[in-house]
Amino acid sequence: MNATIHRDDRHYYLGALRLVYFAPSSHTTSMKTTGIVRRMDELGRVVIPKEMRRTMHLREGEELEIFAAEDGLVLKKYSALSALGATADDFAGVVSELIAGVVYILDTDGVLSSAGVTSHREEGTVSSDVSETLASRKRRLIPNAAAIRGGEAYAHLLVYPLLAHGDLYGALVVGRSRPFDDSAEAVVETACRLLRQRLGD
């Protein structure tokens, strides 16, 4: 019996199994029938094909959430930050107002929430500057840089990686046209501390 795989902007469909798709919605590679069938073992384990793991940026040891749906199961990459839900939007909005700048809350895959953003282009993949800062795990102030690939460049871009228990969960990224004075940086540092505390819960 063959299993047909197809995909829309958010999901792969493998027979009755619906898998969340993590690549950007602009990604348009078509999927063909692969004939992949996976047998569940006595412990209920099923191996996700290597190509799917690569496409969805799933690494060994990655945590997945399992949801029950009418048409099957949904496997979703777990993000402690995404568990904040609408709180993240409110949080970003408050910080944006306090510092008069643009705010992004990122997990390790992309933008979870933003505030002060004026263009839909600001919701895409993070820029190489931000990716490099995440990899370094160190705070970085970057002049004339964009937070999002192809997005607006800000005269001053401040990136704070969010670490808890030694693990990288994402970043708080703030862009401004004016330099960061002590009060603005204090707001960002406080915001990061609150997010780290939430991650540490």
N, C-alpha and C. Protein backbone atom coordinates (compact mmCIF):
# COMPACT_ATOMS: atom_id res chain seq x y z
N MET A 1 0.85 -1.19 0.00
CA MET A 1 0.00 0.00 0.00
C MET A 1 0.88 1.24 0.00
N ASN A 2 0.66 2.15 -0.95
CA ASN A 2 1.45 3.37 -1.04
C ASN A 2 0.79 4.50 -0.26
N ALA A 3 1.62 5.39 0.30
CA ALA A 3 1.10 6.57 1.00
C ALA A 3 1.42 7.79 0.16
N THR A 4 0.43 8.58 -0.16
CA THR A 4 0.62 9.78 -0.96
C THR A 4 0.91 10.96 -0.04
N ILE A 5 1.98 11.69 -0.35
CA ILE A 5 2.34 12.87 0.42
C ILE A 5 2.03 14.10 -0.41
N HIS A 6 1.28 15.03 0.16
CA HIS A 6 1.13 16.33 -0.48
C HIS A 6 1.21 17.41 0.60
N ARG A 7 1.20 18.66 0.19
CA ARG A 7 1.47 19.71 1.15
C ARG A 7 0.75 21.00 0.77
N ASP A 8 0.30 21.75 1.81
CA ASP A 8 -0.14 23.12 1.58
C ASP A 8 0.86 24.02 2.29
N ASP A 9 0.49 25.27 2.56
CA ASP A 9 1.46 26.21 3.15
C ASP A 9 1.87 25.86 4.57
N ARG A 10 1.08 25.05 5.28
CA ARG A 10 1.38 24.79 6.67
C ARG A 10 1.57 23.32 7.04
N HIS A 11 1.15 22.38 6.18
CA HIS A 11 1.17 20.99 6.59
C HIS A 11 1.64 20.06 5.47
N TYR A 12 2.23 18.94 5.88
CA TYR A 12 2.36 17.78 5.01
C TYR A 12 1.19 16.87 5.35
N TYR A 13 0.72 16.15 4.38
CA TYR A 13 -0.31 15.14 4.62
C TYR A 13 0.25 13.80 4.17
N LEU A 14 0.38 12.88 5.09
CA LEU A 14 0.87 11.54 4.81
C LEU A 14 -0.27 10.58 5.14
N GLY A 15 -1.06 10.25 4.13
CA GLY A 15 -2.26 9.46 4.38
C GLY A 15 -3.17 10.22 5.34
N ALA A 16 -3.55 9.57 6.43
CA ALA A 16 -4.40 10.22 7.43
C ALA A 16 -3.60 11.04 8.42
N LEU A 17 -2.28 11.00 8.31
CA LEU A 17 -1.42 11.71 9.26
C LEU A 17 -1.09 13.09 8.73
N ARG A 18 -1.40 14.11 9.52
CA ARG A 18 -1.14 15.48 9.12
C ARG A 18 0.05 15.99 9.92
N LEU A 19 1.11 16.43 9.24
CA LEU A 19 2.32 16.91 9.89
C LEU A 19 2.45 18.41 9.65
N VAL A 20 2.80 19.16 10.71
CA VAL A 20 2.98 20.59 10.54
C VAL A 20 4.23 20.85 9.71
N TYR A 21 4.10 21.78 8.76
CA TYR A 21 5.19 22.12 7.84
C TYR A 21 5.85 23.40 8.33
N PHE A 22 7.17 23.39 8.49
CA PHE A 22 7.83 24.51 9.14
C PHE A 22 8.55 25.46 8.21
N ALA A 23 8.71 25.12 6.94
CA ALA A 23 9.41 26.02 6.02
C ALA A 23 8.55 27.24 5.75
N PRO A 24 9.15 28.38 5.29
CA PRO A 24 8.38 29.58 5.01
C PRO A 24 7.31 29.31 3.96
N SER A 25 6.18 30.07 4.03
CA SER A 25 5.07 29.84 3.11
C SER A 25 5.45 30.16 1.68
N SER A 26 6.54 30.92 1.47
CA SER A 26 6.98 31.24 0.11
C SER A 26 7.65 30.05 -0.56
N HIS A 27 7.95 29.01 0.24
CA HIS A 27 8.61 27.81 -0.28
C HIS A 27 7.60 27.02 -1.12
N THR A 28 7.90 26.78 -2.39
CA THR A 28 6.88 26.23 -3.28
C THR A 28 7.26 24.89 -3.89
N THR A 29 8.24 24.20 -3.34
CA THR A 29 8.63 22.91 -3.90
C THR A 29 7.46 21.94 -3.82
N SER A 30 7.11 21.31 -4.97
CA SER A 30 5.98 20.39 -4.98
C SER A 30 6.43 19.02 -4.48
N MET A 31 5.50 18.33 -3.84
CA MET A 31 5.79 17.01 -3.32
C MET A 31 5.15 15.97 -4.22
N LYS A 32 5.87 14.86 -4.44
CA LYS A 32 5.36 13.77 -5.28
C LYS A 32 5.12 12.54 -4.41
N THR A 33 4.37 11.60 -4.97
CA THR A 33 4.14 10.35 -4.27
C THR A 33 5.49 9.66 -4.05
N THR A 34 5.76 9.27 -2.81
CA THR A 34 7.05 8.65 -2.49
C THR A 34 6.92 7.16 -2.19
N GLY A 35 5.70 6.72 -1.86
CA GLY A 35 5.53 5.32 -1.50
C GLY A 35 6.05 5.00 -0.12
N ILE A 36 6.31 6.03 0.70
CA ILE A 36 6.84 5.81 2.05
C ILE A 36 5.75 5.28 2.97
N VAL A 37 6.04 4.16 3.61
CA VAL A 37 5.15 3.59 4.62
C VAL A 37 6.01 3.29 5.84
N ARG A 38 5.54 3.68 7.00
CA ARG A 38 6.28 3.42 8.23
C ARG A 38 5.44 2.55 9.14
N ARG A 39 6.05 1.47 9.65
CA ARG A 39 5.35 0.58 10.58
C ARG A 39 5.60 1.04 12.01
N MET A 40 4.55 1.08 12.81
CA MET A 40 4.68 1.45 14.21
C MET A 40 5.14 0.23 15.00
N ASP A 41 6.13 0.41 15.87
CA ASP A 41 6.62 -0.74 16.64
C ASP A 41 5.77 -0.95 17.89
N GLU A 42 6.19 -1.93 18.72
CA GLU A 42 5.38 -2.31 19.88
C GLU A 42 5.30 -1.21 20.93
N LEU A 43 6.21 -0.24 20.88
CA LEU A 43 6.18 0.89 21.81
C LEU A 43 5.45 2.10 21.22
N GLY A 44 4.90 1.94 20.01
CA GLY A 44 4.16 3.04 19.38
C GLY A 44 5.05 4.03 18.66
N ARG A 45 6.31 3.66 18.39
CA ARG A 45 7.24 4.58 17.73
C ARG A 45 7.15 4.46 16.22
N VAL A 46 7.23 5.63 15.55
CA VAL A 46 7.25 5.69 14.09
C VAL A 46 8.42 6.58 13.69
N VAL A 47 9.22 6.15 12.73
CA VAL A 47 10.36 6.94 12.28
C VAL A 47 9.91 7.96 11.24
N ILE A 48 10.22 9.24 11.47
CA ILE A 48 9.95 10.29 10.48
C ILE A 48 11.08 10.24 9.45
N PRO A 49 10.76 10.14 8.16
CA PRO A 49 11.80 10.04 7.14
C PRO A 49 12.83 11.17 7.22
N LYS A 50 14.07 10.82 6.93
CA LYS A 50 15.17 11.78 7.05
C LYS A 50 14.92 13.05 6.26
N GLU A 51 14.40 12.93 5.04
CA GLU A 51 14.16 14.10 4.21
C GLU A 51 13.14 15.04 4.85
N MET A 52 12.11 14.48 5.44
CA MET A 52 11.12 15.31 6.14
C MET A 52 11.75 15.99 7.35
N ARG A 53 12.59 15.26 8.09
CA ARG A 53 13.25 15.85 9.25
C ARG A 53 14.14 17.01 8.82
N ARG A 54 14.82 16.83 7.69
CA ARG A 54 15.69 17.90 7.19
C ARG A 54 14.88 19.12 6.76
N THR A 55 13.81 18.89 6.02
CA THR A 55 12.98 19.99 5.52
C THR A 55 12.32 20.76 6.65
N MET A 56 11.92 20.05 7.69
CA MET A 56 11.24 20.69 8.81
C MET A 56 12.21 21.09 9.93
N HIS A 57 13.52 20.97 9.67
CA HIS A 57 14.55 21.39 10.63
C HIS A 57 14.41 20.66 11.96
N LEU A 58 14.09 19.38 11.88
CA LEU A 58 13.99 18.57 13.09
C LEU A 58 15.32 17.89 13.36
N ARG A 59 15.87 18.14 14.55
CA ARG A 59 17.16 17.56 14.91
C ARG A 59 16.97 16.48 15.97
N GLU A 60 17.98 15.63 16.10
CA GLU A 60 17.94 14.59 17.12
C GLU A 60 17.74 15.22 18.50
N GLY A 61 16.84 14.68 19.27
CA GLY A 61 16.57 15.22 20.60
C GLY A 61 15.53 16.33 20.61
N GLU A 62 15.05 16.74 19.43
CA GLU A 62 14.03 17.79 19.33
C GLU A 62 12.74 17.33 20.01
N GLU A 63 12.08 18.25 20.70
CA GLU A 63 10.81 17.91 21.35
C GLU A 63 9.67 18.20 20.39
N LEU A 64 8.71 17.27 20.31
CA LEU A 64 7.54 17.43 19.46
C LEU A 64 6.29 17.36 20.32
N GLU A 65 5.30 18.19 19.98
CA GLU A 65 3.99 18.10 20.61
C GLU A 65 3.10 17.24 19.74
N ILE A 66 2.23 16.47 20.36
CA ILE A 66 1.31 15.61 19.62
C ILE A 66 -0.11 16.07 19.90
N PHE A 67 -0.84 16.37 18.84
CA PHE A 67 -2.23 16.81 18.95
C PHE A 67 -3.14 15.80 18.26
N ALA A 68 -4.34 15.62 18.81
CA ALA A 68 -5.34 14.77 18.17
C ALA A 68 -6.24 15.66 17.30
N ALA A 69 -6.43 15.26 16.05
CA ALA A 69 -7.31 15.97 15.13
C ALA A 69 -8.34 15.00 14.58
N GLU A 70 -9.40 15.53 13.97
CA GLU A 70 -10.46 14.68 13.44
C GLU A 70 -9.93 13.71 12.39
N ASP A 71 -8.94 14.18 11.61
CA ASP A 71 -8.44 13.36 10.50
C ASP A 71 -7.12 12.67 10.80
N GLY A 72 -6.69 12.65 12.05
CA GLY A 72 -5.44 11.97 12.38
C GLY A 72 -4.70 12.64 13.51
N LEU A 73 -3.39 12.54 13.48
CA LEU A 73 -2.53 13.13 14.50
C LEU A 73 -1.76 14.30 13.89
N VAL A 74 -1.46 15.29 14.73
CA VAL A 74 -0.64 16.42 14.30
C VAL A 74 0.63 16.42 15.14
N LEU A 75 1.77 16.37 14.49
CA LEU A 75 3.06 16.49 15.18
C LEU A 75 3.56 17.91 14.97
N LYS A 76 3.86 18.58 16.05
CA LYS A 76 4.32 19.96 15.95
C LYS A 76 5.58 20.15 16.76
N LYS A 77 6.55 20.82 16.17
CA LYS A 77 7.79 21.11 16.87
C LYS A 77 7.48 21.96 18.09
N TYR A 78 7.95 21.55 19.24
CA TYR A 78 7.63 22.26 20.48
C TYR A 78 8.50 23.48 20.64
N SER A 79 7.87 24.60 20.98
CA SER A 79 8.59 25.84 21.27
C SER A 79 8.06 26.39 22.57
N ALA A 80 8.94 26.50 23.57
CA ALA A 80 8.52 27.04 24.86
C ALA A 80 8.03 28.47 24.71
N LEU A 81 8.62 29.22 23.79
CA LEU A 81 8.19 30.60 23.57
C LEU A 81 6.82 30.67 22.91
N SER A 82 6.54 29.77 21.96
CA SER A 82 5.25 29.80 21.29
C SER A 82 4.12 29.48 22.26
N ALA A 83 4.45 28.82 23.38
CA ALA A 83 3.44 28.53 24.39
C ALA A 83 2.92 29.80 25.05
N LEU A 84 3.63 30.91 24.86
CA LEU A 84 3.16 32.19 25.41
C LEU A 84 1.90 32.67 24.71
N GLY A 85 1.71 32.24 23.44
CA GLY A 85 0.51 32.60 22.69
C GLY A 85 0.34 34.10 22.54
N ALA A 86 -0.89 34.57 22.80
CA ALA A 86 -1.21 35.99 22.64
C ALA A 86 -0.43 36.86 23.61
N THR A 87 0.04 36.27 24.71
CA THR A 87 0.83 37.03 25.68
C THR A 87 2.09 37.60 25.02
N ALA A 88 2.66 36.86 24.07
CA ALA A 88 3.86 37.32 23.37
C ALA A 88 3.57 38.58 22.57
N ASP A 89 2.40 38.65 21.93
CA ASP A 89 2.01 39.84 21.17
C ASP A 89 1.87 41.04 22.10
N ASP A 90 1.21 40.84 23.22
CA ASP A 90 1.04 41.93 24.19
C ASP A 90 2.38 42.39 24.73
N PHE A 91 3.23 41.41 25.03
CA PHE A 91 4.55 41.70 25.58
C PHE A 91 5.37 42.53 24.58
N ALA A 92 5.39 42.09 23.32
CA ALA A 92 6.13 42.81 22.29
C ALA A 92 5.57 44.22 22.12
N GLY A 93 4.25 44.36 22.18
CA GLY A 93 3.63 45.68 22.04
C GLY A 93 4.03 46.64 23.13
N VAL A 94 4.07 46.17 24.37
CA VAL A 94 4.46 47.02 25.49
C VAL A 94 5.92 47.47 25.34
N VAL A 95 6.80 46.53 25.03
CA VAL A 95 8.22 46.88 24.87
C VAL A 95 8.40 47.86 23.72
N SER A 96 7.68 47.65 22.62
CA SER A 96 7.77 48.54 21.46
C SER A 96 7.39 49.97 21.83
N GLU A 97 6.32 50.12 22.61
CA GLU A 97 5.89 51.46 23.02
C GLU A 97 6.90 52.11 23.95
N LEU A 98 7.44 51.34 24.87
CA LEU A 98 8.37 51.89 25.86
C LEU A 98 9.67 52.37 25.25
N ILE A 99 10.13 51.68 24.20
CA ILE A 99 11.43 52.05 23.62
C ILE A 99 11.29 52.78 22.29
N ALA A 100 10.05 52.98 21.82
CA ALA A 100 9.79 53.64 20.54
C ALA A 100 10.58 52.98 19.43
N GLY A 101 10.39 51.66 19.30
CA GLY A 101 11.10 50.91 18.26
C GLY A 101 10.32 49.68 17.84
N VAL A 102 10.93 48.91 16.98
CA VAL A 102 10.33 47.67 16.49
C VAL A 102 10.84 46.52 17.34
N VAL A 103 9.95 45.60 17.68
CA VAL A 103 10.31 44.47 18.55
C VAL A 103 9.92 43.15 17.90
N TYR A 104 10.82 42.18 17.94
CA TYR A 104 10.54 40.83 17.47
C TYR A 104 10.84 39.86 18.60
N ILE A 105 9.96 38.89 18.79
CA ILE A 105 10.26 37.77 19.66
C ILE A 105 10.43 36.56 18.74
N LEU A 106 11.60 35.95 18.80
CA LEU A 106 11.93 34.84 17.91
C LEU A 106 12.09 33.55 18.70
N ASP A 107 11.72 32.42 18.09
CA ASP A 107 12.22 31.15 18.59
C ASP A 107 13.34 30.73 17.65
N THR A 108 13.80 29.52 17.73
CA THR A 108 14.96 29.13 16.92
C THR A 108 14.62 28.92 15.45
N ASP A 109 13.32 28.98 15.09
CA ASP A 109 12.91 28.79 13.70
C ASP A 109 12.46 30.07 13.00
N GLY A 110 12.16 31.12 13.74
CA GLY A 110 11.69 32.33 13.09
C GLY A 110 10.90 33.23 14.01
N VAL A 111 10.14 34.16 13.41
CA VAL A 111 9.40 35.17 14.16
C VAL A 111 8.14 34.58 14.77
N LEU A 112 8.01 34.72 16.10
CA LEU A 112 6.80 34.31 16.79
C LEU A 112 5.84 35.48 16.96
N SER A 113 6.41 36.66 17.23
CA SER A 113 5.59 37.83 17.47
C SER A 113 6.40 39.07 17.12
N SER A 114 5.69 40.14 16.74
CA SER A 114 6.36 41.40 16.44
C SER A 114 5.43 42.56 16.77
N ALA A 115 6.02 43.74 16.97
CA ALA A 115 5.25 44.94 17.24
C ALA A 115 5.99 46.14 16.66
N GLY A 116 5.23 47.10 16.17
CA GLY A 116 5.83 48.29 15.56
C GLY A 116 6.24 48.07 14.13
N VAL A 117 5.93 46.89 13.58
CA VAL A 117 6.31 46.54 12.22
C VAL A 117 5.30 47.15 11.25
N THR A 118 5.79 47.75 10.16
CA THR A 118 4.89 48.41 9.21
C THR A 118 4.73 47.65 7.91
N SER A 119 5.54 46.60 7.69
CA SER A 119 5.49 45.87 6.41
C SER A 119 5.29 44.39 6.64
N HIS A 120 4.48 43.75 5.79
CA HIS A 120 4.29 42.30 5.87
C HIS A 120 5.59 41.55 5.61
N ARG A 121 6.53 42.23 4.94
CA ARG A 121 7.82 41.58 4.65
C ARG A 121 8.61 41.33 5.93
N GLU A 122 8.21 41.98 7.02
CA GLU A 122 8.94 41.86 8.28
C GLU A 122 8.53 40.61 9.06
N GLU A 123 7.83 39.68 8.42
CA GLU A 123 7.38 38.47 9.11
C GLU A 123 8.09 37.22 8.60
N GLY A 124 9.15 37.36 7.81
CA GLY A 124 9.78 36.22 7.17
C GLY A 124 10.90 35.58 7.96
N THR A 125 11.92 35.13 7.24
CA THR A 125 13.06 34.44 7.83
C THR A 125 14.04 35.45 8.42
N VAL A 126 14.64 35.10 9.55
CA VAL A 126 15.57 36.03 10.19
C VAL A 126 16.80 36.25 9.33
N SER A 127 17.41 37.42 9.47
CA SER A 127 18.57 37.79 8.68
C SER A 127 19.80 37.01 9.13
N SER A 128 20.84 37.06 8.31
CA SER A 128 22.09 36.37 8.65
C SER A 128 22.72 36.99 9.90
N ASP A 129 22.58 38.33 10.07
CA ASP A 129 23.13 38.98 11.27
C ASP A 129 22.49 38.43 12.54
N VAL A 130 21.18 38.25 12.51
CA VAL A 130 20.49 37.72 13.67
C VAL A 130 20.84 36.25 13.88
N SER A 131 20.90 35.48 12.79
CA SER A 131 21.26 34.05 12.89
C SER A 131 22.64 33.88 13.51
N GLU A 132 23.60 34.71 13.07
CA GLU A 132 24.97 34.63 13.62
C GLU A 132 24.98 34.97 15.11
N THR A 133 24.16 35.95 15.50
CA THR A 133 24.09 36.33 16.91
C THR A 133 23.49 35.22 17.75
N LEU A 134 22.45 34.56 17.21
CA LEU A 134 21.86 33.42 17.91
C LEU A 134 22.90 32.32 18.10
N ALA A 135 23.70 32.08 17.06
CA ALA A 135 24.72 31.04 17.14
C ALA A 135 25.78 31.38 18.18
N SER A 136 26.09 32.67 18.32
CA SER A 136 27.11 33.09 19.29
C SER A 136 26.59 33.08 20.72
N ARG A 137 25.25 33.16 20.86
CA ARG A 137 24.59 33.19 22.17
C ARG A 137 24.97 34.41 22.99
N LYS A 138 25.41 35.47 22.34
CA LYS A 138 25.84 36.69 23.05
C LYS A 138 25.06 37.90 22.55
N ARG A 139 24.78 38.82 23.46
CA ARG A 139 24.13 40.08 23.11
C ARG A 139 24.96 40.80 22.06
N ARG A 140 24.27 41.43 21.12
CA ARG A 140 25.00 42.11 20.04
C ARG A 140 24.21 43.34 19.57
N LEU A 141 24.91 44.46 19.43
CA LEU A 141 24.33 45.67 18.87
C LEU A 141 24.90 45.83 17.46
N ILE A 142 24.01 45.82 16.46
CA ILE A 142 24.44 45.80 15.06
C ILE A 142 23.98 47.08 14.36
N PRO A 143 24.91 47.84 13.77
CA PRO A 143 24.50 49.06 13.06
C PRO A 143 23.96 48.75 11.67
N ASN A 144 22.95 49.51 11.26
CA ASN A 144 22.40 49.43 9.90
C ASN A 144 22.13 47.99 9.46
N ALA A 145 21.28 47.31 10.20
CA ALA A 145 21.01 45.90 9.93
C ALA A 145 19.51 45.63 9.95
N ALA A 146 19.11 44.61 9.21
CA ALA A 146 17.72 44.16 9.19
C ALA A 146 17.56 42.96 10.11
N ALA A 147 16.40 42.87 10.74
CA ALA A 147 16.12 41.70 11.58
C ALA A 147 15.65 40.54 10.72
N ILE A 148 14.96 40.88 9.62
CA ILE A 148 14.35 39.88 8.75
C ILE A 148 14.95 39.99 7.36
N ARG A 149 15.21 38.84 6.75
CA ARG A 149 15.77 38.81 5.40
C ARG A 149 14.88 39.59 4.44
N GLY A 150 15.45 40.60 3.77
CA GLY A 150 14.68 41.41 2.83
C GLY A 150 13.84 42.47 3.49
N GLY A 151 13.91 42.58 4.81
CA GLY A 151 13.12 43.58 5.54
C GLY A 151 13.86 44.89 5.69
N GLU A 152 13.22 45.79 6.42
CA GLU A 152 13.79 47.12 6.63
C GLU A 152 15.03 47.06 7.50
N ALA A 153 16.05 47.84 7.13
CA ALA A 153 17.27 47.92 7.94
C ALA A 153 17.10 49.03 8.97
N TYR A 154 17.51 48.76 10.19
CA TYR A 154 17.41 49.73 11.27
C TYR A 154 18.80 50.27 11.60
N ALA A 155 18.86 51.54 11.93
CA ALA A 155 20.15 52.17 12.23
C ALA A 155 20.81 51.47 13.41
N HIS A 156 19.98 51.00 14.36
CA HIS A 156 20.50 50.32 15.55
C HIS A 156 19.64 49.08 15.82
N LEU A 157 20.25 47.93 15.72
CA LEU A 157 19.55 46.66 15.94
C LEU A 157 20.20 45.94 17.12
N LEU A 158 19.41 45.72 18.16
CA LEU A 158 19.91 45.07 19.37
C LEU A 158 19.33 43.67 19.47
N VAL A 159 20.20 42.67 19.59
CA VAL A 159 19.77 41.27 19.63
C VAL A 159 20.19 40.65 20.96
N TYR A 160 19.21 40.15 21.70
CA TYR A 160 19.45 39.48 22.97
C TYR A 160 19.03 38.02 22.84
N PRO A 161 19.96 37.07 22.73
CA PRO A 161 19.59 35.65 22.74
C PRO A 161 18.92 35.29 24.07
N LEU A 162 17.92 34.43 24.00
CA LEU A 162 17.19 34.00 25.19
C LEU A 162 17.65 32.60 25.58
N LEU A 163 18.35 32.53 26.70
CA LEU A 163 18.91 31.27 27.19
C LEU A 163 18.28 30.91 28.53
N ALA A 164 18.03 29.62 28.72
CA ALA A 164 17.54 29.13 30.00
C ALA A 164 18.07 27.71 30.19
N HIS A 165 18.63 27.44 31.36
CA HIS A 165 19.20 26.13 31.67
C HIS A 165 20.26 25.73 30.63
N GLY A 166 20.96 26.72 30.08
CA GLY A 166 22.01 26.44 29.11
C GLY A 166 21.53 26.20 27.69
N ASP A 167 20.21 26.23 27.48
CA ASP A 167 19.64 25.99 26.14
C ASP A 167 19.22 27.30 25.50
N LEU A 168 19.39 27.39 24.18
CA LEU A 168 18.97 28.55 23.42
C LEU A 168 17.51 28.36 22.97
N TYR A 169 16.65 29.29 23.33
CA TYR A 169 15.23 29.20 22.98
C TYR A 169 14.82 30.18 21.88
N GLY A 170 15.62 31.23 21.68
CA GLY A 170 15.26 32.24 20.69
C GLY A 170 15.96 33.55 21.00
N ALA A 171 15.29 34.66 20.70
CA ALA A 171 15.90 35.96 20.93
C ALA A 171 14.84 37.05 21.01
N LEU A 172 15.20 38.12 21.70
CA LEU A 172 14.43 39.36 21.66
C LEU A 172 15.25 40.31 20.80
N VAL A 173 14.65 40.80 19.72
CA VAL A 173 15.35 41.66 18.77
C VAL A 173 14.62 42.99 18.70
N VAL A 174 15.37 44.09 18.86
CA VAL A 174 14.78 45.41 18.88
C VAL A 174 15.51 46.32 17.89
N GLY A 175 14.75 47.01 17.05
CA GLY A 175 15.33 47.94 16.09
C GLY A 175 14.87 49.36 16.35
N ARG A 176 15.81 50.31 16.23
CA ARG A 176 15.48 51.73 16.43
C ARG A 176 16.25 52.59 15.45
N SER A 177 15.68 53.77 15.16
CA SER A 177 16.41 54.74 14.34
C SER A 177 17.37 55.54 15.19
N ARG A 178 17.05 55.66 16.49
CA ARG A 178 17.90 56.40 17.42
C ARG A 178 18.79 55.43 18.20
N PRO A 179 19.93 55.91 18.69
CA PRO A 179 20.78 55.03 19.52
C PRO A 179 20.05 54.60 20.79
N PHE A 180 20.46 53.47 21.36
CA PHE A 180 19.88 52.99 22.59
C PHE A 180 20.51 53.73 23.76
N ASP A 181 19.70 54.53 24.47
CA ASP A 181 20.20 55.17 25.68
C ASP A 181 20.05 54.19 26.85
N ASP A 182 20.48 54.62 28.05
CA ASP A 182 20.45 53.71 29.20
C ASP A 182 19.04 53.24 29.53
N SER A 183 18.06 54.15 29.41
CA SER A 183 16.69 53.76 29.78
C SER A 183 16.11 52.75 28.80
N ALA A 184 16.37 52.94 27.50
CA ALA A 184 15.86 52.00 26.50
C ALA A 184 16.50 50.63 26.66
N GLU A 185 17.81 50.64 26.92
CA GLU A 185 18.49 49.34 27.08
C GLU A 185 18.03 48.65 28.36
N ALA A 186 17.72 49.44 29.40
CA ALA A 186 17.23 48.85 30.64
C ALA A 186 15.88 48.17 30.43
N VAL A 187 15.03 48.78 29.58
CA VAL A 187 13.73 48.18 29.27
C VAL A 187 13.94 46.84 28.57
N VAL A 188 14.85 46.80 27.59
CA VAL A 188 15.11 45.57 26.84
C VAL A 188 15.69 44.49 27.76
N GLU A 189 16.61 44.87 28.63
CA GLU A 189 17.20 43.91 29.55
C GLU A 189 16.16 43.34 30.51
N THR A 190 15.26 44.21 30.98
CA THR A 190 14.19 43.74 31.88
C THR A 190 13.26 42.79 31.14
N ALA A 191 12.92 43.14 29.90
CA ALA A 191 12.06 42.27 29.09
C ALA A 191 12.70 40.90 28.90
N CYS A 192 13.99 40.88 28.61
CA CYS A 192 14.71 39.61 28.43
C CYS A 192 14.70 38.80 29.71
N ARG A 193 14.91 39.46 30.83
CA ARG A 193 14.91 38.76 32.11
C ARG A 193 13.56 38.11 32.39
N LEU A 194 12.48 38.83 32.07
CA LEU A 194 11.14 38.29 32.27
C LEU A 194 10.88 37.08 31.37
N LEU A 195 11.33 37.17 30.11
CA LEU A 195 11.16 36.04 29.19
C LEU A 195 11.97 34.84 29.65
N ARG A 196 13.20 35.09 30.11
CA ARG A 196 14.03 33.97 30.59
C ARG A 196 13.41 33.31 31.81
N GLN A 197 12.83 34.13 32.70
CA GLN A 197 12.16 33.56 33.87
C GLN A 197 11.00 32.67 33.45
N ARG A 198 10.26 33.11 32.44
CA ARG A 198 9.13 32.31 31.94
C ARG A 198 9.63 30.99 31.35
N LEU A 199 10.74 31.07 30.63
CA LEU A 199 11.31 29.86 30.05
C LEU A 199 11.83 28.91 31.11
N GLY A 200 12.26 29.46 32.21
CA GLY A 200 12.82 28.65 33.28
C GLY A 200 11.78 28.01 34.18
N ASP A 201 10.49 28.40 34.01
CA ASP A 201 9.41 27.85 34.84
C ASP A 201 9.24 26.35 34.61
